Amino acid sequence: DRVKYDGSKYNVQVFVTTDDNKQLIYSVAAS
């Protein structure tokens, strides 16, 4: 009761690449 919920929606991207040792690394971006 009496709570207005935040209706925001986010697109989330997880970028996965490899480093010099062929190990997976990642970064996250949102909009």
PDB file of all heavy atoms in Angstrom:
ATOM      1  N   ASP A   1       0.828  -1.211   0.000  1.00  0.00           N
ATOM      2  CA  ASP A   1       0.000   0.000   0.000  1.00  0.00           C
ATOM      3  C   ASP A   1       0.859   1.257   0.000  1.00  0.00           C
ATOM      4  O   ASP A   1       1.893   1.338   0.668  1.00  0.00           O
ATOM      5  CB  ASP A   1      -0.914   0.018   1.232  1.00  0.00           C
ATOM      6  CG  ASP A   1      -1.982  -1.064   1.154  1.00  0.00           C
ATOM      7  OD1 ASP A   1      -2.250  -1.531   0.031  1.00  0.00           O
ATOM      8  OD2 ASP A   1      -2.525  -1.441   2.205  1.00  0.00           O
ATOM      9  N   ARG A   2       0.401   2.247  -0.756  1.00  0.00           N
ATOM     10  CA  ARG A   2       0.979   3.592  -0.818  1.00  0.00           C
ATOM     11  C   ARG A   2       2.442   3.590  -1.266  1.00  0.00           C
ATOM     12  O   ARG A   2       3.215   4.457  -0.874  1.00  0.00           O
ATOM     13  CB  ARG A   2       0.825   4.294   0.532  1.00  0.00           C
ATOM     14  CG  ARG A   2      -0.630   4.537   0.926  1.00  0.00           C
ATOM     15  CD  ARG A   2      -0.749   5.534   2.041  1.00  0.00           C
ATOM     16  NE  ARG A   2      -0.142   5.088   3.268  1.00  0.00           N
ATOM     17  CZ  ARG A   2      -0.752   4.305   4.149  1.00  0.00           C
ATOM     18  NH1 ARG A   2      -1.989   3.893   3.936  1.00  0.00           N
ATOM     19  NH2 ARG A   2      -0.145   3.943   5.252  1.00  0.00           N
ATOM     20  N   VAL A   3       2.829   2.616  -2.084  1.00  0.00           N
ATOM     21  CA  VAL A   3       4.178   2.579  -2.649  1.00  0.00           C
ATOM     22  C   VAL A   3       4.086   2.712  -4.168  1.00  0.00           C
ATOM     23  O   VAL A   3       3.378   1.943  -4.816  1.00  0.00           O
ATOM     24  CB  VAL A   3       4.927   1.281  -2.281  1.00  0.00           C
ATOM     25  CG1 VAL A   3       6.278   1.231  -2.989  1.00  0.00           C
ATOM     26  CG2 VAL A   3       5.126   1.199  -0.780  1.00  0.00           C
ATOM     27  N   LYS A   4       4.771   3.694  -4.718  1.00  0.00           N
ATOM     28  CA  LYS A   4       4.850   3.872  -6.162  1.00  0.00           C
ATOM     29  C   LYS A   4       6.154   3.237  -6.638  1.00  0.00           C
ATOM     30  O   LYS A   4       7.236   3.674  -6.278  1.00  0.00           O
ATOM     31  CB  LYS A   4       4.816   5.358  -6.522  1.00  0.00           C
ATOM     32  CG  LYS A   4       4.833   5.610  -8.018  1.00  0.00           C
ATOM     33  CD  LYS A   4       4.778   7.107  -8.303  1.00  0.00           C
ATOM     34  CE  LYS A   4       4.800   7.373  -9.797  1.00  0.00           C
ATOM     35  NZ  LYS A   4       4.766   8.830 -10.091  1.00  0.00           N
ATOM     36  N   TYR A   5       6.032   2.191  -7.460  1.00  0.00           N
ATOM     37  CA  TYR A   5       7.199   1.413  -7.865  1.00  0.00           C
ATOM     38  C   TYR A   5       7.873   2.022  -9.096  1.00  0.00           C
ATOM     39  O   TYR A   5       7.201   2.478 -10.021  1.00  0.00           O
ATOM     40  CB  TYR A   5       6.795  -0.034  -8.154  1.00  0.00           C
ATOM     41  CG  TYR A   5       6.339  -0.775  -6.926  1.00  0.00           C
ATOM     42  CD1 TYR A   5       5.000  -0.750  -6.517  1.00  0.00           C
ATOM     43  CD2 TYR A   5       7.244  -1.491  -6.146  1.00  0.00           C
ATOM     44  CE1 TYR A   5       4.582  -1.416  -5.378  1.00  0.00           C
ATOM     45  CE2 TYR A   5       6.825  -2.170  -5.011  1.00  0.00           C
ATOM     46  CZ  TYR A   5       5.504  -2.125  -4.632  1.00  0.00           C
ATOM     47  OH  TYR A   5       5.092  -2.784  -3.503  1.00  0.00           O
ATOM     48  N   ASP A   6       9.192   2.022  -9.053  1.00  0.00           N
ATOM     49  CA  ASP A   6       9.984   2.537 -10.168  1.00  0.00           C
ATOM     50  C   ASP A   6       9.861   1.572 -11.344  1.00  0.00           C
ATOM     51  O   ASP A   6      10.239   0.410 -11.255  1.00  0.00           O
ATOM     52  CB  ASP A   6      11.442   2.665  -9.721  1.00  0.00           C
ATOM     53  CG  ASP A   6      12.308   3.375 -10.762  1.00  0.00           C
ATOM     54  OD1 ASP A   6      11.864   3.508 -11.927  1.00  0.00           O
ATOM     55  OD2 ASP A   6      13.422   3.783 -10.421  1.00  0.00           O
ATOM     56  N   GLY A   7       9.331   2.058 -12.467  1.00  0.00           N
ATOM     57  CA  GLY A   7       9.114   1.211 -13.632  1.00  0.00           C
ATOM     58  C   GLY A   7      10.256   1.218 -14.636  1.00  0.00           C
ATOM     59  O   GLY A   7      10.053   0.789 -15.775  1.00  0.00           O
ATOM     60  N   SER A   8      11.435   1.673 -14.237  1.00  0.00           N
ATOM     61  CA  SER A   8      12.570   1.733 -15.167  1.00  0.00           C
ATOM     62  C   SER A   8      12.970   0.338 -15.636  1.00  0.00           C
ATOM     63  O   SER A   8      12.952  -0.621 -14.864  1.00  0.00           O
ATOM     64  CB  SER A   8      13.769   2.398 -14.494  1.00  0.00           C
ATOM     65  OG  SER A   8      13.472   3.719 -14.103  1.00  0.00           O
ATOM     66  N   LYS A   9      13.330   0.241 -16.928  1.00  0.00           N
ATOM     67  CA  LYS A   9      13.847  -0.999 -17.501  1.00  0.00           C
ATOM     68  C   LYS A   9      15.218  -0.719 -18.109  1.00  0.00           C
ATOM     69  O   LYS A   9      15.412   0.322 -18.741  1.00  0.00           O
ATOM     70  CB  LYS A   9      12.895  -1.561 -18.550  1.00  0.00           C
ATOM     71  CG  LYS A   9      11.566  -2.033 -17.976  1.00  0.00           C
ATOM     72  CD  LYS A   9      10.711  -2.703 -19.045  1.00  0.00           C
ATOM     73  CE  LYS A   9       9.397  -3.225 -18.449  1.00  0.00           C
ATOM     74  NZ  LYS A   9       8.572  -3.923 -19.455  1.00  0.00           N
ATOM     75  N   TYR A  10      16.142  -1.657 -17.912  1.00  0.00           N
ATOM     76  CA  TYR A  10      17.513  -1.459 -18.364  1.00  0.00           C
ATOM     77  C   TYR A  10      17.915  -2.528 -19.378  1.00  0.00           C
ATOM     78  O   TYR A  10      17.632  -3.714 -19.179  1.00  0.00           O
ATOM     79  CB  TYR A  10      18.491  -1.532 -17.185  1.00  0.00           C
ATOM     80  CG  TYR A  10      18.307  -0.438 -16.163  1.00  0.00           C
ATOM     81  CD1 TYR A  10      17.447  -0.613 -15.069  1.00  0.00           C
ATOM     82  CD2 TYR A  10      18.984   0.768 -16.273  1.00  0.00           C
ATOM     83  CE1 TYR A  10      17.288   0.381 -14.125  1.00  0.00           C
ATOM     84  CE2 TYR A  10      18.830   1.776 -15.326  1.00  0.00           C
ATOM     85  CZ  TYR A  10      17.985   1.575 -14.258  1.00  0.00           C
ATOM     86  OH  TYR A  10      17.816   2.564 -13.320  1.00  0.00           O
ATOM     87  N   ASN A  11      18.548  -2.080 -20.463  1.00  0.00           N
ATOM     88  CA  ASN A  11      19.230  -3.003 -21.365  1.00  0.00           C
ATOM     89  C   ASN A  11      20.653  -3.183 -20.849  1.00  0.00           C
ATOM     90  O   ASN A  11      21.388  -2.192 -20.705  1.00  0.00           O
ATOM     91  CB  ASN A  11      19.261  -2.456 -22.793  1.00  0.00           C
ATOM     92  CG  ASN A  11      17.898  -2.528 -23.460  1.00  0.00           C
ATOM     93  OD1 ASN A  11      17.114  -3.439 -23.192  1.00  0.00           O
ATOM     94  ND2 ASN A  11      17.611  -1.573 -24.327  1.00  0.00           N
ATOM     95  N   VAL A  12      21.016  -4.414 -20.565  1.00  0.00           N
ATOM     96  CA  VAL A  12      22.335  -4.705 -20.002  1.00  0.00           C
ATOM     97  C   VAL A  12      23.138  -5.515 -21.017  1.00  0.00           C
ATOM     98  O   VAL A  12      22.649  -6.527 -21.537  1.00  0.00           O
ATOM     99  CB  VAL A  12      22.219  -5.476 -18.676  1.00  0.00           C
ATOM    100  CG1 VAL A  12      23.606  -5.781 -18.116  1.00  0.00           C
ATOM    101  CG2 VAL A  12      21.396  -4.678 -17.668  1.00  0.00           C
ATOM    102  N   GLN A  13      24.353  -5.079 -21.300  1.00  0.00           N
ATOM    103  CA  GLN A  13      25.250  -5.789 -22.206  1.00  0.00           C
ATOM    104  C   GLN A  13      26.486  -6.264 -21.446  1.00  0.00           C
ATOM    105  O   GLN A  13      27.130  -5.464 -20.755  1.00  0.00           O
ATOM    106  CB  GLN A  13      25.674  -4.886 -23.369  1.00  0.00           C
ATOM    107  CG  GLN A  13      24.542  -4.552 -24.325  1.00  0.00           C
ATOM    108  CD  GLN A  13      24.998  -3.686 -25.484  1.00  0.00           C
ATOM    109  OE1 GLN A  13      25.806  -2.785 -25.310  1.00  0.00           O
ATOM    110  NE2 GLN A  13      24.492  -3.972 -26.677  1.00  0.00           N
ATOM    111  N   VAL A  14      26.793  -7.539 -21.609  1.00  0.00           N
ATOM    112  CA  VAL A  14      27.999  -8.121 -21.016  1.00  0.00           C
ATOM    113  C   VAL A  14      28.972  -8.418 -22.166  1.00  0.00           C
ATOM    114  O   VAL A  14      28.699  -9.291 -22.996  1.00  0.00           O
ATOM    115  CB  VAL A  14      27.673  -9.399 -20.219  1.00  0.00           C
ATOM    116  CG1 VAL A  14      28.951  -9.988 -19.614  1.00  0.00           C
ATOM    117  CG2 VAL A  14      26.655  -9.095 -19.115  1.00  0.00           C
ATOM    118  N   PHE A  15      30.060  -7.683 -22.213  1.00  0.00           N
ATOM    119  CA  PHE A  15      31.061  -7.854 -23.272  1.00  0.00           C
ATOM    120  C   PHE A  15      32.159  -8.792 -22.771  1.00  0.00           C
ATOM    121  O   PHE A  15      32.820  -8.497 -21.765  1.00  0.00           O
ATOM    122  CB  PHE A  15      31.672  -6.506 -23.662  1.00  0.00           C
ATOM    123  CG  PHE A  15      30.666  -5.500 -24.140  1.00  0.00           C
ATOM    124  CD1 PHE A  15      30.186  -4.516 -23.290  1.00  0.00           C
ATOM    125  CD2 PHE A  15      30.206  -5.539 -25.444  1.00  0.00           C
ATOM    126  CE1 PHE A  15      29.271  -3.581 -23.737  1.00  0.00           C
ATOM    127  CE2 PHE A  15      29.284  -4.612 -25.905  1.00  0.00           C
ATOM    128  CZ  PHE A  15      28.803  -3.640 -25.057  1.00  0.00           C
ATOM    129  N   VAL A  16      32.357  -9.912 -23.471  1.00  0.00           N
ATOM    130  CA  VAL A  16      33.356 -10.910 -23.058  1.00  0.00           C
ATOM    131  C   VAL A  16      34.431 -11.027 -24.140  1.00  0.00           C
ATOM    132  O   VAL A  16      34.119 -11.293 -25.307  1.00  0.00           O
ATOM    133  CB  VAL A  16      32.699 -12.282 -22.802  1.00  0.00           C
ATOM    134  CG1 VAL A  16      33.747 -13.296 -22.345  1.00  0.00           C
ATOM    135  CG2 VAL A  16      31.592 -12.147 -21.756  1.00  0.00           C
ATOM    136  N   THR A  17      35.682 -10.815 -23.757  1.00  0.00           N
ATOM    137  CA  THR A  17      36.830 -10.956 -24.662  1.00  0.00           C
ATOM    138  C   THR A  17      37.897 -11.788 -23.952  1.00  0.00           C
ATOM    139  O   THR A  17      37.639 -12.362 -22.885  1.00  0.00           O
ATOM    140  CB  THR A  17      37.392  -9.578 -25.045  1.00  0.00           C
ATOM    141  OG1 THR A  17      37.783  -8.876 -23.842  1.00  0.00           O
ATOM    142  CG2 THR A  17      36.349  -8.748 -25.772  1.00  0.00           C
ATOM    143  N   THR A  18      39.094 -11.860 -24.557  1.00  0.00           N
ATOM    144  CA  THR A  18      40.211 -12.601 -23.950  1.00  0.00           C
ATOM    145  C   THR A  18      41.395 -11.669 -23.746  1.00  0.00           C
ATOM    146  O   THR A  18      41.569 -10.676 -24.467  1.00  0.00           O
ATOM    147  CB  THR A  18      40.638 -13.770 -24.837  1.00  0.00           C
ATOM    148  OG1 THR A  18      41.019 -13.273 -26.129  1.00  0.00           O
ATOM    149  CG2 THR A  18      39.499 -14.771 -25.002  1.00  0.00           C
ATOM    150  N   ASP A  19      42.193 -11.993 -22.762  1.00  0.00           N
ATOM    151  CA  ASP A  19      43.413 -11.224 -22.535  1.00  0.00           C
ATOM    152  C   ASP A  19      44.584 -11.881 -23.268  1.00  0.00           C
ATOM    153  O   ASP A  19      44.380 -12.809 -24.082  1.00  0.00           O
ATOM    154  CB  ASP A  19      43.690 -11.112 -21.038  1.00  0.00           C
ATOM    155  CG  ASP A  19      43.837 -12.461 -20.354  1.00  0.00           C
ATOM    156  OD1 ASP A  19      43.991 -13.494 -21.061  1.00  0.00           O
ATOM    157  OD2 ASP A  19      43.812 -12.503 -19.107  1.00  0.00           O
ATOM    158  N   ASP A  20      45.795 -11.441 -22.999  1.00  0.00           N
ATOM    159  CA  ASP A  20      46.975 -11.987 -23.679  1.00  0.00           C
ATOM    160  C   ASP A  20      47.216 -13.448 -23.356  1.00  0.00           C
ATOM    161  O   ASP A  20      47.888 -14.159 -24.125  1.00  0.00           O
ATOM    162  CB  ASP A  20      48.211 -11.161 -23.302  1.00  0.00           C
ATOM    163  CG  ASP A  20      48.113  -9.733 -23.798  1.00  0.00           C
ATOM    164  OD1 ASP A  20      47.350  -9.506 -24.757  1.00  0.00           O
ATOM    165  OD2 ASP A  20      48.779  -8.853 -23.214  1.00  0.00           O
ATOM    166  N   ASN A  21      46.680 -13.895 -22.248  1.00  0.00           N
ATOM    167  CA  ASN A  21      46.850 -15.296 -21.839  1.00  0.00           C
ATOM    168  C   ASN A  21      45.666 -16.163 -22.246  1.00  0.00           C
ATOM    169  O   ASN A  21      45.509 -17.265 -21.729  1.00  0.00           O
ATOM    170  CB  ASN A  21      47.053 -15.378 -20.325  1.00  0.00           C
ATOM    171  CG  ASN A  21      48.312 -14.663 -19.876  1.00  0.00           C
ATOM    172  OD1 ASN A  21      49.353 -14.722 -20.545  1.00  0.00           O
ATOM    173  ND2 ASN A  21      48.219 -13.965 -18.743  1.00  0.00           N
ATOM    174  N   LYS A  22      44.853 -15.667 -23.144  1.00  0.00           N
ATOM    175  CA  LYS A  22      43.680 -16.402 -23.621  1.00  0.00           C
ATOM    176  C   LYS A  22      42.667 -16.685 -22.512  1.00  0.00           C
ATOM    177  O   LYS A  22      41.907 -17.656 -22.585  1.00  0.00           O
ATOM    178  CB  LYS A  22      44.107 -17.725 -24.288  1.00  0.00           C
ATOM    179  CG  LYS A  22      44.997 -17.557 -25.504  1.00  0.00           C
ATOM    180  CD  LYS A  22      44.269 -16.830 -26.622  1.00  0.00           C
ATOM    181  CE  LYS A  22      45.148 -16.712 -27.857  1.00  0.00           C
ATOM    182  NZ  LYS A  22      44.461 -15.975 -28.956  1.00  0.00           N
ATOM    183  N   GLN A  23      42.646 -15.808 -21.504  1.00  0.00           N
ATOM    184  CA  GLN A  23      41.673 -15.936 -20.432  1.00  0.00           C
ATOM    185  C   GLN A  23      40.508 -14.975 -20.688  1.00  0.00           C
ATOM    186  O   GLN A  23      40.697 -13.855 -21.168  1.00  0.00           O
ATOM    187  CB  GLN A  23      42.319 -15.608 -19.079  1.00  0.00           C
ATOM    188  CG  GLN A  23      43.460 -16.542 -18.693  1.00  0.00           C
ATOM    189  CD  GLN A  23      42.985 -17.974 -18.532  1.00  0.00           C
ATOM    190  OE1 GLN A  23      41.959 -18.235 -17.892  1.00  0.00           O
ATOM    191  NE2 GLN A  23      43.732 -18.914 -19.097  1.00  0.00           N
ATOM    192  N   LEU A  24      39.321 -15.435 -20.370  1.00  0.00           N
ATOM    193  CA  LEU A  24      38.138 -14.610 -20.597  1.00  0.00           C
ATOM    194  C   LEU A  24      38.095 -13.441 -19.611  1.00  0.00           C
ATOM    195  O   LEU A  24      38.343 -13.610 -18.415  1.00  0.00           O
ATOM    196  CB  LEU A  24      36.874 -15.449 -20.457  1.00  0.00           C
ATOM    197  CG  LEU A  24      36.675 -16.571 -21.487  1.00  0.00           C
ATOM    198  CD1 LEU A  24      35.415 -17.364 -21.153  1.00  0.00           C
ATOM    199  CD2 LEU A  24      36.574 -16.002 -22.907  1.00  0.00           C
ATOM    200  N   ILE A  25      37.779 -12.272 -20.122  1.00  0.00           N
ATOM    201  CA  ILE A  25      37.548 -11.090 -19.297  1.00  0.00           C
ATOM    202  C   ILE A  25      36.249 -10.438 -19.777  1.00  0.00           C
ATOM    203  O   ILE A  25      35.801 -10.679 -20.902  1.00  0.00           O
ATOM    204  CB  ILE A  25      38.715 -10.084 -19.384  1.00  0.00           C
ATOM    205  CG1 ILE A  25      38.966  -9.672 -20.841  1.00  0.00           C
ATOM    206  CG2 ILE A  25      39.974 -10.664 -18.763  1.00  0.00           C
ATOM    207  CD1 ILE A  25      40.014  -8.595 -20.999  1.00  0.00           C
ATOM    208  N   TYR A  26      35.632  -9.609 -18.917  1.00  0.00           N
ATOM    209  CA  TYR A  26      34.337  -9.028 -19.306  1.00  0.00           C
ATOM    210  C   TYR A  26      34.182  -7.611 -18.771  1.00  0.00           C
ATOM    211  O   TYR A  26      34.887  -7.178 -17.846  1.00  0.00           O
ATOM    212  CB  TYR A  26      33.200  -9.914 -18.800  1.00  0.00           C
ATOM    213  CG  TYR A  26      32.893  -9.751 -17.325  1.00  0.00           C
ATOM    214  CD1 TYR A  26      31.844  -8.932 -16.898  1.00  0.00           C
ATOM    215  CD2 TYR A  26      33.641 -10.418 -16.350  1.00  0.00           C
ATOM    216  CE1 TYR A  26      31.557  -8.780 -15.550  1.00  0.00           C
ATOM    217  CE2 TYR A  26      33.364 -10.283 -15.009  1.00  0.00           C
ATOM    218  CZ  TYR A  26      32.316  -9.461 -14.608  1.00  0.00           C
ATOM    219  OH  TYR A  26      32.033  -9.302 -13.277  1.00  0.00           O
ATOM    220  N   SER A  27      33.226  -6.913 -19.331  1.00  0.00           N
ATOM    221  CA  SER A  27      32.793  -5.599 -18.849  1.00  0.00           C
ATOM    222  C   SER A  27      31.283  -5.513 -19.035  1.00  0.00           C
ATOM    223  O   SER A  27      30.709  -6.223 -19.870  1.00  0.00           O
ATOM    224  CB  SER A  27      33.505  -4.466 -19.597  1.00  0.00           C
ATOM    225  OG  SER A  27      33.192  -4.515 -20.978  1.00  0.00           O
ATOM    226  N   VAL A  28      30.652  -4.641 -18.241  1.00  0.00           N
ATOM    227  CA  VAL A  28      29.186  -4.512 -18.262  1.00  0.00           C
ATOM    228  C   VAL A  28      28.811  -3.076 -18.593  1.00  0.00           C
ATOM    229  O   VAL A  28      29.394  -2.128 -18.055  1.00  0.00           O
ATOM    230  CB  VAL A  28      28.578  -4.928 -16.910  1.00  0.00           C
ATOM    231  CG1 VAL A  28      27.062  -4.709 -16.914  1.00  0.00           C
ATOM    232  CG2 VAL A  28      28.900  -6.378 -16.598  1.00  0.00           C
ATOM    233  N   ALA A  29      27.844  -2.909 -19.481  1.00  0.00           N
ATOM    234  CA  ALA A  29      27.293  -1.588 -19.807  1.00  0.00           C
ATOM    235  C   ALA A  29      25.775  -1.666 -19.743  1.00  0.00           C
ATOM    236  O   ALA A  29      25.179  -2.716 -20.015  1.00  0.00           O
ATOM    237  CB  ALA A  29      27.749  -1.139 -21.190  1.00  0.00           C
ATOM    238  N   ALA A  30      25.143  -0.545 -19.354  1.00  0.00           N
ATOM    239  CA  ALA A  30      23.684  -0.520 -19.232  1.00  0.00           C
ATOM    240  C   ALA A  30      23.135   0.773 -19.811  1.00  0.00           C
ATOM    241  O   ALA A  30      23.811   1.808 -19.831  1.00  0.00           O
ATOM    242  CB  ALA A  30      23.257  -0.666 -17.782  1.00  0.00           C
ATOM    243  N   SER A  31      21.904   0.717 -20.270  1.00  0.00           N
ATOM    244  CA  SER A  31      21.203   1.889 -20.782  1.00  0.00           C
ATOM    245  C   SER A  31      19.714   1.721 -20.515  1.00  0.00           C
ATOM    246  O   SER A  31      19.220   0.595 -20.352  1.00  0.00           O
ATOM    247  CB  SER A  31      21.449   2.078 -22.281  1.00  0.00           C
ATOM    248  OG  SER A  31      20.955   0.956 -23.007  1.00  0.00           O
TER     249      SER A  31
END
